Amino acid sequence: MLKRQGQLADDGTYIGPKASAAPPLTRVSKAEPAQSKSVLARIVNFFKEVSAELRKVFWPTRQEVVNYSILVFVALLFVALLVFGIDYGCTKAVLFLFKK
């Protein structure tokens, strides 16, 4: 059967000018059923995997933590002062408008 450009051929290859744009389809086998392990073995395996993943984490140095903490504190102070200024200004404006 003939297929138009932009379709997949019977062998899974892409028909068209950009043949490399779509890789051929591959068959995926069904997943094997999980082996039944005891609850204790699964818990131990979980903590081994957690430990292995934590070893891959990039941990910041003490100086980096101090620098970032100072940066966060300064940003927090700036935003708090900005909100205070807007609130104070709006309060004064509303009281001025509705003064008796």
Foldseek 3Di string as FASTA:
>chain_A
DDDDAQDADPQQFHHHPPRVPDDGDDDDDDDDDDDDDDPVVVVVVVVVVVVVVVVVDDDDDPVVVVVVVVVVVVVVVVVVVVVVVVVVVVVVVVCVVPPD
